Amino acid sequence: MTSLGVIGNISHDTAEHPDRRHHLLGGAALYISLAAARAGATAAPIAVIGDDLAYTLRTTQLAGLDHTGVAVVEQPSCRFHLRYDQHGTLIDVDATYGAAQRLTAHALQQSHRYDHVHVCCRRPLDPAPVLAALAERRQPFSVDFITTSATDMITAAAPYLPAAKFVFTDAREFTALTAAVPAEHLRTVTATDGPRPATLYRHGRPVTRTPIAQVDAVEVTGAGDTFTGTFLAAVLNGTPEAAALTEAAQAATARLATPGIALHPQPP
């Protein structure tokens, strides 16, 4: 079975909505790896956490993951405060990176161990040296972004994106992506757009779309990452991309209807 390493954050998240606030175990490396494992992949987050979150690696919710790519250091874990509007759109992120500031060096040491590497191009990671190493080794890789830092991260990653097997975006990120890299130079790109159909592009041409089912959202944090992890697991296990797109959309919708992995609030 193809092994998947996911470079990114594992964090203590505060998800603030107009009418509620949730404290969650989060981070893109966690959400993508969990979704991929549930979809049948051998998935390993590649992350650096503090000893304050070390106990979470032993929880039943994370039992299906390979934890060997997670480093635990004597430093506070990364913390994100995510603010959403009434439509569930992310409008602002405050971050205290803590242990995750060591992620770039850690990723460079670990990424060679996996058949496919997914790189979450989100701060504090410096994506350029990581992507350069993957491209130089001709190691299959994929990338994603987050809207609040997408323009800067796309600029940093742009020289290596034509080598990416998959690029995952939302509608705003897709616009920034294709402004930085000619769409025809990109092998496969997925673009989600809230409740509207998700689209898969190949060298700039739309080749398939899948509808998004509407549900009452309990928690939107991690839904896009669930899409990414599910799609990757499906295609790495041989599922055609059109079917993988549908599976990913269904998994993301199901994620919206669940509360996530709760943490007790802690002082910053």
Foldseek 3Di string as FASTA:
>chain_A
DFEEEEQKFFEFEWEDEPVDIFTAGDILLVLLQLLLLVLPHAYEYQFEAEPVCPVVCVDPSNVSHDDPNYHYDHKHAKYKYWYAYPLRHTDDIDIDHIRRLCRQVSLVVPVVPGQEYEYELEPPHQCQVNLVVCVVVLRAYEYEYDPVCLLVSLLSCVVRQLSHCEYEEEPVSVVSNCVRHPLLSHAWYWYHYRQAWIFIDGSRHTDETDGADDDDFPHLPSLSSSLNSQLVSCVVVPHDNRVSNHRSRVRSNVNRHDNHHGDDDDDD
